[in-house]
Structures are given as C-alpha cells and as structure tokens.
Amino acid sequence: MKQIPYGIDDFERIIQEDYYYIDKSEYIRTVEKQASYVLLVRPRRMGKSLFTNMLMAYYDILNKDRFEKLFGHLAIGKKPTEWANQFLVLKLDFSMVENWISKL
C-alpha cells in the first residue's frame, strides 16, 4: 500500500520508495517560459521544497543516468525540454543557519 509522504521533500526518495505523488512536472515548461526568476509564495506545507527539489533533480547533469527512472512515468519524462540534465546544480540549505549562529 502506498504511503503519503507527509513532511518528505526529497523528490528522489518519494519516487524510489513509491509514495503517493501528484505530478507537478508539467509545470517545468511553464517555469522555463516565464521570467528569469521564480518566486514561490505559498503557505507552509504546500510543496515549495518538494517542487524545487524536483527541479533540481530534473536539471542536474549528475542525474542524467537516472532520468528515466525518476521522470519516465511523469508528464515531463514523456517529452523532456532541451534543458533537462544540462546543468551542475548547487543546493544551498539555510535551514540550519539559526542553530549554527547560536553555537558561535
């Protein structure tokens, strides 16, 4: 039985461990056609981190060999854009900054 990925924002884990997933990959084309920046303003627990994690997996050249496994069954995997797996992606996580500063 599939589980609901409550609190999990790791796209690869959700796909590999077969959690329920609502396919938002069709919006990648929209993001590419928009302005040069994207601002995601949504309330807590509305999928912002999961969406950006999916974008990271989609564009990262290091995922090129796993693209079919991660995206093959999704909308964007059936007809990927020319930018799929074309970039080195740098992830900056500021979630621990407050804990790090308090230890100084």
PDB file of N, CA and C in Angstrom:
ATOM      1  N   MET A   1       0.842  -1.181   0.000  1.00  0.00           N
ATOM      2  CA  MET A   1       0.000   0.000   0.000  1.00  0.00           C
ATOM      3  C   MET A   1       0.889   1.247   0.000  1.00  0.00           C
ATOM      4  N   LYS A   2       0.597   2.177  -0.887  1.00  0.00           N
ATOM      5  CA  LYS A   2       1.372   3.408  -0.958  1.00  0.00           C
ATOM      6  C   LYS A   2       1.135   4.260   0.278  1.00  0.00           C
ATOM      7  N   GLN A   3       2.192   4.981   0.657  1.00  0.00           N
ATOM      8  CA  GLN A   3       2.089   5.869   1.808  1.00  0.00           C
ATOM      9  C   GLN A   3       2.060   7.319   1.338  1.00  0.00           C
ATOM     10  N   ILE A   4       1.551   8.187   2.190  1.00  0.00           N
ATOM     11  CA  ILE A   4       1.536   9.618   1.924  1.00  0.00           C
ATOM     12  C   ILE A   4       2.849  10.194   2.442  1.00  0.00           C
ATOM     13  N   PRO A   5       3.571  10.954   1.620  1.00  0.00           N
ATOM     14  CA  PRO A   5       4.891  11.449   2.023  1.00  0.00           C
ATOM     15  C   PRO A   5       4.818  12.720   2.864  1.00  0.00           C
ATOM     16  N   TYR A   6       4.127  12.677   3.971  1.00  0.00           N
ATOM     17  CA  TYR A   6       3.972  13.851   4.826  1.00  0.00           C
ATOM     18  C   TYR A   6       5.328  14.281   5.378  1.00  0.00           C
ATOM     19  N   GLY A   7       5.705  15.516   5.117  1.00  0.00           N
ATOM     20  CA  GLY A   7       6.951  16.059   5.638  1.00  0.00           C
ATOM     21  C   GLY A   7       8.192  15.658   4.868  1.00  0.00           C
ATOM     22  N   ILE A   8       8.048  14.920   3.776  1.00  0.00           N
ATOM     23  CA  ILE A   8       9.202  14.498   2.980  1.00  0.00           C
ATOM     24  C   ILE A   8       9.301  15.415   1.775  1.00  0.00           C
ATOM     25  N   ASP A   9      10.435  16.095   1.637  1.00  0.00           N
ATOM     26  CA  ASP A   9      10.607  16.993   0.496  1.00  0.00           C
ATOM     27  C   ASP A   9      11.684  16.493  -0.466  1.00  0.00           C
ATOM     28  N   ASP A  10      12.068  15.239  -0.338  1.00  0.00           N
ATOM     29  CA  ASP A  10      13.089  14.639  -1.196  1.00  0.00           C
ATOM     30  C   ASP A  10      12.406  13.927  -2.365  1.00  0.00           C
ATOM     31  N   PHE A  11      12.437  14.565  -3.537  1.00  0.00           N
ATOM     32  CA  PHE A  11      11.763  14.039  -4.719  1.00  0.00           C
ATOM     33  C   PHE A  11      12.241  12.630  -5.070  1.00  0.00           C
ATOM     34  N   GLU A  12      13.536  12.419  -5.070  1.00  0.00           N
ATOM     35  CA  GLU A  12      14.081  11.110  -5.432  1.00  0.00           C
ATOM     36  C   GLU A  12      13.587  10.017  -4.487  1.00  0.00           C
ATOM     37  N   ARG A  13      13.543  10.313  -3.213  1.00  0.00           N
ATOM     38  CA  ARG A  13      13.066   9.330  -2.233  1.00  0.00           C
ATOM     39  C   ARG A  13      11.594   9.000  -2.467  1.00  0.00           C
ATOM     40  N   ILE A  14      10.788  10.016  -2.743  1.00  0.00           N
ATOM     41  CA  ILE A  14       9.359   9.796  -2.975  1.00  0.00           C
ATOM     42  C   ILE A  14       9.145   8.894  -4.186  1.00  0.00           C
ATOM     43  N   ILE A  15       9.907   9.116  -5.243  1.00  0.00           N
ATOM     44  CA  ILE A  15       9.763   8.298  -6.450  1.00  0.00           C
ATOM     45  C   ILE A  15      10.305   6.886  -6.211  1.00  0.00           C
ATOM     46  N   GLN A  16      11.487   6.780  -5.637  1.00  0.00           N
ATOM     47  CA  GLN A  16      12.119   5.476  -5.457  1.00  0.00           C
ATOM     48  C   GLN A  16      11.376   4.593  -4.459  1.00  0.00           C
ATOM     49  N   GLU A  17      10.811   5.202  -3.413  1.00  0.00           N
ATOM     50  CA  GLU A  17      10.109   4.414  -2.401  1.00  0.00           C
ATOM     51  C   GLU A  17       8.610   4.325  -2.680  1.00  0.00           C
ATOM     52  N   ASP A  18       8.192   4.790  -3.840  1.00  0.00           N
ATOM     53  CA  ASP A  18       6.819   4.650  -4.338  1.00  0.00           C
ATOM     54  C   ASP A  18       5.756   5.236  -3.400  1.00  0.00           C
ATOM     55  N   TYR A  19       6.002   6.461  -2.933  1.00  0.00           N
ATOM     56  CA  TYR A  19       4.989   7.187  -2.179  1.00  0.00           C
ATOM     57  C   TYR A  19       3.958   7.755  -3.157  1.00  0.00           C
ATOM     58  N   TYR A  20       2.813   8.166  -2.638  1.00  0.00           N
ATOM     59  CA  TYR A  20       1.869   8.906  -3.461  1.00  0.00           C
ATOM     60  C   TYR A  20       2.538  10.194  -3.910  1.00  0.00           C
ATOM     61  N   TYR A  21       2.357  10.544  -5.176  1.00  0.00           N
ATOM     62  CA  TYR A  21       2.951  11.766  -5.696  1.00  0.00           C
ATOM     63  C   TYR A  21       2.029  12.369  -6.750  1.00  0.00           C
ATOM     64  N   ILE A  22       1.661  13.622  -6.566  1.00  0.00           N
ATOM     65  CA  ILE A  22       0.867  14.336  -7.554  1.00  0.00           C
ATOM     66  C   ILE A  22       1.844  14.979  -8.524  1.00  0.00           C
ATOM     67  N   ASP A  23       1.747  14.606  -9.785  1.00  0.00           N
ATOM     68  CA  ASP A  23       2.701  15.025 -10.796  1.00  0.00           C
ATOM     69  C   ASP A  23       2.581  16.525 -11.103  1.00  0.00           C
ATOM     70  N   LYS A  24       3.590  17.267 -10.689  1.00  0.00           N
ATOM     71  CA  LYS A  24       3.656  18.699 -10.984  1.00  0.00           C
ATOM     72  C   LYS A  24       4.716  18.992 -12.043  1.00  0.00           C
ATOM     73  N   SER A  25       5.267  17.939 -12.648  1.00  0.00           N
ATOM     74  CA  SER A  25       6.353  18.128 -13.609  1.00  0.00           C
ATOM     75  C   SER A  25       5.905  18.854 -14.866  1.00  0.00           C
ATOM     76  N   GLU A  26       4.620  18.851 -15.146  1.00  0.00           N
ATOM     77  CA  GLU A  26       4.125  19.569 -16.329  1.00  0.00           C
ATOM     78  C   GLU A  26       4.364  21.076 -16.209  1.00  0.00           C
ATOM     79  N   TYR A  27       4.581  21.567 -14.999  1.00  0.00           N
ATOM     80  CA  TYR A  27       4.822  22.993 -14.797  1.00  0.00           C
ATOM     81  C   TYR A  27       6.263  23.401 -15.108  1.00  0.00           C
ATOM     82  N   ILE A  28       7.139  22.443 -15.352  1.00  0.00           N
ATOM     83  CA  ILE A  28       8.519  22.772 -15.700  1.00  0.00           C
ATOM     84  C   ILE A  28       8.553  23.597 -16.983  1.00  0.00           C
ATOM     85  N   ARG A  29       7.743  23.237 -17.970  1.00  0.00           N
ATOM     86  CA  ARG A  29       7.674  24.019 -19.210  1.00  0.00           C
ATOM     87  C   ARG A  29       7.228  25.450 -18.935  1.00  0.00           C
ATOM     88  N   THR A  30       6.270  25.616 -18.052  1.00  0.00           N
ATOM     89  CA  THR A  30       5.789  26.951 -17.703  1.00  0.00           C
ATOM     90  C   THR A  30       6.892  27.759 -17.032  1.00  0.00           C
ATOM     91  N   VAL A  31       7.625  27.139 -16.129  1.00  0.00           N
ATOM     92  CA  VAL A  31       8.722  27.824 -15.443  1.00  0.00           C
ATOM     93  C   VAL A  31       9.774  28.267 -16.450  1.00  0.00           C
ATOM     94  N   GLU A  32      10.088  27.427 -17.420  1.00  0.00           N
ATOM     95  CA  GLU A  32      11.097  27.774 -18.415  1.00  0.00           C
ATOM     96  C   GLU A  32      10.663  28.929 -19.318  1.00  0.00           C
ATOM     97  N   LYS A  33       9.369  29.066 -19.531  1.00  0.00           N
ATOM     98  CA  LYS A  33       8.860  30.133 -20.405  1.00  0.00           C
ATOM     99  C   LYS A  33       8.672  31.458 -19.669  1.00  0.00           C
ATOM    100  N   GLN A  34       8.686  31.439 -18.345  1.00  0.00           N
ATOM    101  CA  GLN A  34       8.457  32.642 -17.550  1.00  0.00           C
ATOM    102  C   GLN A  34       9.700  33.513 -17.491  1.00  0.00           C
ATOM    103  N   ALA A  35       9.643  34.504 -16.642  1.00  0.00           N
ATOM    104  CA  ALA A  35      10.763  35.428 -16.454  1.00  0.00           C
ATOM    105  C   ALA A  35      12.006  34.682 -15.972  1.00  0.00           C
ATOM    106  N   SER A  36      13.093  35.397 -15.864  1.00  0.00           N
ATOM    107  CA  SER A  36      14.363  34.773 -15.497  1.00  0.00           C
ATOM    108  C   SER A  36      14.455  34.406 -14.016  1.00  0.00           C
ATOM    109  N   TYR A  37      13.453  34.685 -13.237  1.00  0.00           N
ATOM    110  CA  TYR A  37      13.428  34.297 -11.832  1.00  0.00           C
ATOM    111  C   TYR A  37      12.036  33.800 -11.478  1.00  0.00           C
ATOM    112  N   VAL A  38      11.970  33.001 -10.433  1.00  0.00           N
ATOM    113  CA  VAL A  38      10.693  32.442  -9.977  1.00  0.00           C
ATOM    114  C   VAL A  38      10.588  32.688  -8.483  1.00  0.00           C
ATOM    115  N   LEU A  39       9.470  33.204  -8.054  1.00  0.00           N
ATOM    116  CA  LEU A  39       9.207  33.421  -6.636  1.00  0.00           C
ATOM    117  C   LEU A  39       8.027  32.545  -6.245  1.00  0.00           C
ATOM    118  N   LEU A  40       8.270  31.602  -5.359  1.00  0.00           N
ATOM    119  CA  LEU A  40       7.222  30.696  -4.907  1.00  0.00           C
ATOM    120  C   LEU A  40       6.681  31.187  -3.573  1.00  0.00           C
ATOM    121  N   VAL A  41       5.498  31.754  -3.613  1.00  0.00           N
ATOM    122  CA  VAL A  41       4.874  32.279  -2.404  1.00  0.00           C
ATOM    123  C   VAL A  41       3.632  31.441  -2.138  1.00  0.00           C
ATOM    124  N   ARG A  42       3.760  30.556  -1.182  1.00  0.00           N
ATOM    125  CA  ARG A  42       2.652  29.688  -0.785  1.00  0.00           C
ATOM    126  C   ARG A  42       2.759  29.449   0.715  1.00  0.00           C
ATOM    127  N   PRO A  43       1.671  29.065   1.326  1.00  0.00           N
ATOM    128  CA  PRO A  43       1.724  28.780   2.771  1.00  0.00           C
ATOM    129  C   PRO A  43       2.593  27.558   3.074  1.00  0.00           C
ATOM    130  N   ARG A  44       2.863  27.376   4.336  1.00  0.00           N
ATOM    131  CA  ARG A  44       3.625  26.205   4.774  1.00  0.00           C
ATOM    132  C   ARG A  44       2.925  24.928   4.338  1.00  0.00           C
ATOM    133  N   ARG A  45       3.732  23.901   4.098  1.00  0.00           N
ATOM    134  CA  ARG A  45       3.245  22.563   3.750  1.00  0.00           C
ATOM    135  C   ARG A  45       2.465  22.521   2.426  1.00  0.00           C
ATOM    136  N   MET A  46       2.830  23.389   1.485  1.00  0.00           N
ATOM    137  CA  MET A  46       2.144  23.400   0.195  1.00  0.00           C
ATOM    138  C   MET A  46       3.042  22.925  -0.949  1.00  0.00           C
ATOM    139  N   GLY A  47       4.210  22.345  -0.641  1.00  0.00           N
ATOM    140  CA  GLY A  47       5.023  21.699  -1.652  1.00  0.00           C
ATOM    141  C   GLY A  47       6.111  22.534  -2.295  1.00  0.00           C
ATOM    142  N   LYS A  48       6.474  23.652  -1.698  1.00  0.00           N
ATOM    143  CA  LYS A  48       7.527  24.501  -2.288  1.00  0.00           C
ATOM    144  C   LYS A  48       8.865  23.766  -2.322  1.00  0.00           C
ATOM    145  N   SER A  49       9.260  23.184  -1.222  1.00  0.00           N
ATOM    146  CA  SER A  49      10.547  22.486  -1.158  1.00  0.00           C
ATOM    147  C   SER A  49      10.563  21.264  -2.065  1.00  0.00           C
ATOM    148  N   LEU A  50       9.481  20.530  -2.111  1.00  0.00           N
ATOM    149  CA  LEU A  50       9.403  19.358  -2.974  1.00  0.00           C
ATOM    150  C   LEU A  50       9.486  19.771  -4.439  1.00  0.00           C
ATOM    151  N   PHE A  51       8.814  20.858  -4.809  1.00  0.00           N
ATOM    152  CA  PHE A  51       8.853  21.329  -6.186  1.00  0.00           C
ATOM    153  C   PHE A  51      10.262  21.761  -6.588  1.00  0.00           C
ATOM    154  N   THR A  52      10.940  22.505  -5.712  1.00  0.00           N
ATOM    155  CA  THR A  52      12.299  22.927  -6.040  1.00  0.00           C
ATOM    156  C   THR A  52      13.248  21.728  -6.059  1.00  0.00           C
ATOM    157  N   ASN A  53      12.990  20.744  -5.221  1.00  0.00           N
ATOM    158  CA  ASN A  53      13.806  19.530  -5.224  1.00  0.00           C
ATOM    159  C   ASN A  53      13.597  18.756  -6.526  1.00  0.00           C
ATOM    160  N   MET A  54      12.369  18.747  -7.035  1.00  0.00           N
ATOM    161  CA  MET A  54      12.089  18.108  -8.321  1.00  0.00           C
ATOM    162  C   MET A  54      12.824  18.847  -9.441  1.00  0.00           C
ATOM    163  N   LEU A  55      12.809  20.184  -9.397  1.00  0.00           N
ATOM    164  CA  LEU A  55      13.528  20.967 -10.406  1.00  0.00           C
ATOM    165  C   LEU A  55      15.021  20.664 -10.364  1.00  0.00           C
ATOM    166  N   MET A  56      15.558  20.547  -9.168  1.00  0.00           N
ATOM    167  CA  MET A  56      16.975  20.237  -9.018  1.00  0.00           C
ATOM    168  C   MET A  56      17.293  18.881  -9.659  1.00  0.00           C
ATOM    169  N   ALA A  57      16.474  17.881  -9.406  1.00  0.00           N
ATOM    170  CA  ALA A  57      16.687  16.558  -9.987  1.00  0.00           C
ATOM    171  C   ALA A  57      16.541  16.587 -11.507  1.00  0.00           C
ATOM    172  N   TYR A  58      15.651  17.415 -12.008  1.00  0.00           N
ATOM    173  CA  TYR A  58      15.391  17.498 -13.447  1.00  0.00           C
ATOM    174  C   TYR A  58      16.551  18.149 -14.196  1.00  0.00           C
ATOM    175  N   TYR A  59      17.092  19.222 -13.656  1.00  0.00           N
ATOM    176  CA  TYR A  59      18.121  19.980 -14.363  1.00  0.00           C
ATOM    177  C   TYR A  59      19.541  19.495 -14.097  1.00  0.00           C
ATOM    178  N   ASP A  60      19.766  18.759 -13.028  1.00  0.00           N
ATOM    179  CA  ASP A  60      21.119  18.359 -12.633  1.00  0.00           C
ATOM    180  C   ASP A  60      21.712  17.329 -13.597  1.00  0.00           C
ATOM    181  N   ILE A  61      22.867  17.654 -14.132  1.00  0.00           N
ATOM    182  CA  ILE A  61      23.553  16.758 -15.074  1.00  0.00           C
ATOM    183  C   ILE A  61      23.974  15.458 -14.399  1.00  0.00           C
ATOM    184  N   LEU A  62      24.138  15.475 -13.096  1.00  0.00           N
ATOM    185  CA  LEU A  62      24.527  14.268 -12.368  1.00  0.00           C
ATOM    186  C   LEU A  62      23.397  13.236 -12.302  1.00  0.00           C
ATOM    187  N   ASN A  63      22.182  13.628 -12.639  1.00  0.00           N
ATOM    188  CA  ASN A  63      21.038  12.709 -12.658  1.00  0.00           C
ATOM    189  C   ASN A  63      20.731  12.192 -14.057  1.00  0.00           C
ATOM    190  N   LYS A  64      21.592  12.482 -15.004  1.00  0.00           N
ATOM    191  CA  LYS A  64      21.325  12.106 -16.395  1.00  0.00           C
ATOM    192  C   LYS A  64      21.101  10.601 -16.551  1.00  0.00           C
ATOM    193  N   ASP A  65      21.887   9.792 -15.862  1.00  0.00           N
ATOM    194  CA  ASP A  65      21.749   8.339 -15.979  1.00  0.00           C
ATOM    195  C   ASP A  65      20.508   7.801 -15.268  1.00  0.00           C
ATOM    196  N   ARG A  66      19.914   8.581 -14.366  1.00  0.00           N
ATOM    197  CA  ARG A  66      18.710   8.151 -13.629  1.00  0.00           C
ATOM    198  C   ARG A  66      17.453   8.861 -14.101  1.00  0.00           C
ATOM    199  N   PHE A  67      17.557   9.628 -15.184  1.00  0.00           N
ATOM    200  CA  PHE A  67      16.424  10.431 -15.642  1.00  0.00           C
ATOM    201  C   PHE A  67      15.192   9.575 -15.927  1.00  0.00           C
ATOM    202  N   GLU A  68      15.369   8.487 -16.639  1.00  0.00           N
ATOM    203  CA  GLU A  68      14.236   7.630 -16.992  1.00  0.00           C
ATOM    204  C   GLU A  68      13.565   7.057 -15.739  1.00  0.00           C
ATOM    205  N   LYS A  69      14.358   6.674 -14.760  1.00  0.00           N
ATOM    206  CA  LYS A  69      13.804   6.108 -13.525  1.00  0.00           C
ATOM    207  C   LYS A  69      13.026   7.154 -12.732  1.00  0.00           C
ATOM    208  N   LEU A  70      13.546   8.384 -12.691  1.00  0.00           N
ATOM    209  CA  LEU A  70      12.901   9.436 -11.902  1.00  0.00           C
ATOM    210  C   LEU A  70      11.726  10.079 -12.623  1.00  0.00           C
ATOM    211  N   PHE A  71      11.860  10.308 -13.932  1.00  0.00           N
ATOM    212  CA  PHE A  71      10.865  11.100 -14.653  1.00  0.00           C
ATOM    213  C   PHE A  71      10.147  10.352 -15.766  1.00  0.00           C
ATOM    214  N   GLY A  72      10.535   9.126 -16.071  1.00  0.00           N
ATOM    215  CA  GLY A  72       9.963   8.394 -17.196  1.00  0.00           C
ATOM    216  C   GLY A  72       8.454   8.250 -17.151  1.00  0.00           C
ATOM    217  N   HIS A  73       7.892   8.103 -15.974  1.00  0.00           N
ATOM    218  CA  HIS A  73       6.448   7.908 -15.837  1.00  0.00           C
ATOM    219  C   HIS A  73       5.695   9.220 -15.619  1.00  0.00           C
ATOM    220  N   LEU A  74       6.411  10.334 -15.536  1.00  0.00           N
ATOM    221  CA  LEU A  74       5.782  11.640 -15.311  1.00  0.00           C
ATOM    222  C   LEU A  74       5.567  12.371 -16.637  1.00  0.00           C
ATOM    223  N   ALA A  75       4.770  13.425 -16.613  1.00  0.00           N
ATOM    224  CA  ALA A  75       4.446  14.176 -17.825  1.00  0.00           C
ATOM    225  C   ALA A  75       5.692  14.699 -18.525  1.00  0.00           C
ATOM    226  N   ILE A  76       6.621  15.251 -17.787  1.00  0.00           N
ATOM    227  CA  ILE A  76       7.821  15.839 -18.388  1.00  0.00           C
ATOM    228  C   ILE A  76       8.773  14.768 -18.899  1.00  0.00           C
ATOM    229  N   GLY A  77       8.701  13.577 -18.368  1.00  0.00           N
ATOM    230  CA  GLY A  77       9.566  12.488 -18.809  1.00  0.00           C
ATOM    231  C   GLY A  77       9.190  11.950 -20.172  1.00  0.00           C
ATOM    232  N   LYS A  78       7.932  12.095 -20.548  1.00  0.00           N
ATOM    233  CA  LYS A  78       7.484  11.624 -21.856  1.00  0.00           C
ATOM    234  C   LYS A  78       7.969  12.533 -22.981  1.00  0.00           C
ATOM    235  N   LYS A  79       8.135  13.820 -22.685  1.00  0.00           N
ATOM    236  CA  LYS A  79       8.646  14.775 -23.671  1.00  0.00           C
ATOM    237  C   LYS A  79       9.457  15.847 -22.937  1.00  0.00           C
ATOM    238  N   PRO A  80      10.714  15.538 -22.587  1.00  0.00           N
ATOM    239  CA  PRO A  80      11.533  16.482 -21.822  1.00  0.00           C
ATOM    240  C   PRO A  80      11.912  17.715 -22.633  1.00  0.00           C
ATOM    241  N   THR A  81      12.217  18.783 -21.931  1.00  0.00           N
ATOM    242  CA  THR A  81      12.673  20.005 -22.582  1.00  0.00           C
ATOM    243  C   THR A  81      14.150  19.859 -22.931  1.00  0.00           C
ATOM    244  N   GLU A  82      14.664  20.790 -23.689  1.00  0.00           N
ATOM    245  CA  GLU A  82      16.069  20.727 -24.094  1.00  0.00           C
ATOM    246  C   GLU A  82      17.025  20.981 -22.935  1.00  0.00           C
ATOM    247  N   TRP A  83      16.527  21.522 -21.829  1.00  0.00           N
ATOM    248  CA  TRP A  83      17.378  21.844 -20.684  1.00  0.00           C
ATOM    249  C   TRP A  83      17.472  20.724 -19.649  1.00  0.00           C
ATOM    250  N   ALA A  84      16.809  19.618 -19.889  1.00  0.00           N
ATOM    251  CA  ALA A  84      16.845  18.504 -18.939  1.00  0.00           C
ATOM    252  C   ALA A  84      18.278  17.993 -18.786  1.00  0.00           C
ATOM    253  N   ASN A  85      18.723  17.874 -17.556  1.00  0.00           N
ATOM    254  CA  ASN A  85      20.048  17.353 -17.219  1.00  0.00           C
ATOM    255  C   ASN A  85      21.182  18.086 -17.929  1.00  0.00           C
ATOM    256  N   GLN A  86      21.116  19.409 -17.951  1.00  0.00           N
ATOM    257  CA  GLN A  86      22.122  20.200 -18.655  1.00  0.00           C
ATOM    258  C   GLN A  86      22.985  21.058 -17.742  1.00  0.00           C
ATOM    259  N   PHE A  87      22.732  21.058 -16.437  1.00  0.00           N
ATOM    260  CA  PHE A  87      23.409  21.985 -15.546  1.00  0.00           C
ATOM    261  C   PHE A  87      23.991  21.284 -14.325  1.00  0.00           C
ATOM    262  N   LEU A  88      25.048  21.857 -13.791  1.00  0.00           N
ATOM    263  CA  LEU A  88      25.519  21.466 -12.469  1.00  0.00           C
ATOM    264  C   LEU A  88      24.707  22.285 -11.469  1.00  0.00           C
ATOM    265  N   VAL A  89      24.054  21.625 -10.559  1.00  0.00           N
ATOM    266  CA  VAL A  89      23.146  22.285  -9.629  1.00  0.00           C
ATOM    267  C   VAL A  89      23.806  22.411  -8.267  1.00  0.00           C
ATOM    268  N   LEU A  90      23.747  23.595  -7.717  1.00  0.00           N
ATOM    269  CA  LEU A  90      24.270  23.869  -6.382  1.00  0.00           C
ATOM    270  C   LEU A  90      23.090  24.086  -5.444  1.00  0.00           C
ATOM    271  N   LYS A  91      23.022  23.304  -4.395  1.00  0.00           N
ATOM    272  CA  LYS A  91      21.926  23.418  -3.430  1.00  0.00           C
ATOM    273  C   LYS A  91      22.447  24.116  -2.178  1.00  0.00           C
ATOM    274  N   LEU A  92      21.798  25.192  -1.806  1.00  0.00           N
ATOM    275  CA  LEU A  92      22.122  25.916  -0.583  1.00  0.00           C
ATOM    276  C   LEU A  92      20.971  25.726   0.391  1.00  0.00           C
ATOM    277  N   ASP A  93      21.251  25.190   1.561  1.00  0.00           N
ATOM    278  CA  ASP A  93      20.224  24.920   2.558  1.00  0.00           C
ATOM    279  C   ASP A  93      20.497  25.789   3.782  1.00  0.00           C
ATOM    280  N   PHE A  94      19.632  26.769   3.999  1.00  0.00           N
ATOM    281  CA  PHE A  94      19.800  27.691   5.112  1.00  0.00           C
ATOM    282  C   PHE A  94      18.970  27.296   6.334  1.00  0.00           C
ATOM    283  N   SER A  95      18.423  26.105   6.329  1.00  0.00           N
ATOM    284  CA  SER A  95      17.548  25.700   7.428  1.00  0.00           C
ATOM    285  C   SER A  95      18.282  25.555   8.753  1.00  0.00           C
ATOM    286  N   MET A  96      19.583  25.345   8.715  1.00  0.00           N
ATOM    287  CA  MET A  96      20.343  25.158   9.945  1.00  0.00           C
ATOM    288  C   MET A  96      21.104  26.408  10.372  1.00  0.00           C
ATOM    289  N   VAL A  97      20.900  27.528   9.698  1.00  0.00           N
ATOM    290  CA  VAL A  97      21.652  28.746   9.996  1.00  0.00           C
ATOM    291  C   VAL A  97      21.417  29.217  11.422  1.00  0.00           C
ATOM    292  N   GLU A  98      20.180  29.201  11.878  1.00  0.00           N
ATOM    293  CA  GLU A  98      19.872  29.656  13.227  1.00  0.00           C
ATOM    294  C   GLU A  98      20.607  28.813  14.267  1.00  0.00           C
ATOM    295  N   ASN A  99      20.625  27.496  14.093  1.00  0.00           N
ATOM    296  CA  ASN A  99      21.341  26.614  15.030  1.00  0.00           C
ATOM    297  C   ASN A  99      22.844  26.862  14.982  1.00  0.00           C
ATOM    298  N   TRP A 100      23.369  27.101  13.797  1.00  0.00           N
ATOM    299  CA  TRP A 100      24.799  27.348  13.631  1.00  0.00           C
ATOM    300  C   TRP A 100      25.204  28.662  14.300  1.00  0.00           C
ATOM    301  N   ILE A 101      24.398  29.711  14.127  1.00  0.00           N
ATOM    302  CA  ILE A 101      24.698  31.023  14.700  1.00  0.00           C
ATOM    303  C   ILE A 101      24.633  30.968  16.225  1.00  0.00           C
ATOM    304  N   SER A 102      23.672  30.223  16.757  1.00  0.00           N
ATOM    305  CA  SER A 102      23.526  30.149  18.209  1.00  0.00           C
ATOM    306  C   SER A 102      24.725  29.457  18.876  1.00  0.00           C
ATOM    307  N   LYS A 103      25.486  28.665  18.123  1.00  0.00           N
ATOM    308  CA  LYS A 103      26.648  27.976  18.680  1.00  0.00           C
ATOM    309  C   LYS A 103      27.902  28.836  18.661  1.00  0.00           C
ATOM    310  N   LEU A 104      27.850  29.996  18.003  1.00  0.00           N
ATOM    311  CA  LEU A 104      29.032  30.879  17.942  1.00  0.00           C
ATOM    312  C   LEU A 104      29.315  31.564  19.252  1.00  0.00           C
TER     313      LEU A 104
END
